Amino acid sequence: MLQDRLSVTNPARTPLTVRLRGDGPAGPWFRFAADTVTVPARTRADVPFALAVPRYAVPGGVAGEILTVGGGEERRVPVRVRVGGPTLAALTVEDVEVSGRTIRYALVNRGNAPLRPRLAVRAEGVFGTLLDRPARPLPLELAPGRRVELTEPWPDAPALDSVTVRLRVTAGGGARDEAAASAAYVPPAPVTGGGLLALGVLALLGARAYRRRIRRGRGETGTGAAAATAPAPGPDEQPAEEERHLETAGAES
């Protein structure tokens, strides 16, 4: 943290009230002892301020200004800060979610340098690769410490499959990360119900045909067995009617 003083001079014969604030890329880093100062006539006021450099600040030169507004005038005091230290490029992809024809995810800049990320998408299903998009630049610049939520369209997502979607992000300075999410795709309820109904009808028809085949086989087997068990008359045997006829004839004689 840097500390210094800003001198505000009032050459007028009446008191002057001045508002102070930071501006420019380094503007949010300024902290004033008082944001509003009243300076008596023909005097000067020294206002302490501090410059707090955030930990994610990019090494190098950063420009800023102290803006003073009062007495109908606006004055700007330029300030240039030199930030030391190594540049760190770090990027993460988080909260990957697959929902229907949309892939949702978040990118976070974990380093101290602005990044222009690139994204590659790959999806694997039960029977192989469903989606393979090579790395392409995203239309954004991710400032240090910034998090952004994005979506990736998938218009030709499967209707029935179990998939794993993997996102890979890269950026300058060697920043890279990847994350994955899984999802199960099933047809809507009416389609599923119709499919189950059709399967049920086919199963019922098959069972009925099978039972008819069994009954027909049993009937044919029973007739054959009855014919086989009936003994054939021997050469010395005569039918019962013929025997009764002979007995009657013998009685008459």
Foldseek 3Di string as FASTA:
>chain_A
DAKDKDKDFAQAQAKKKKAKFKDAPQGVQKAWPDRIDIGGHGGMDIIMMGGHDDPLAAAAKGKMWMWMDIPNDIDIDIDIDGHDDDWDWAKEKDDWDDDDFKTKIKMFTQHNAKWFKWKWKWKAWPVGTDDTGDTDTDPDIHHHGDMDMDMDGRPCDDQFTKMKMKMWMATPPGYIYMDIDIDGHHHDPVVVVVVVVVVVVVVVVVVVVVVVVVVVVVVVVVVVVVVVPDDDDDPPDDDPVVVVVVVVVVVVD
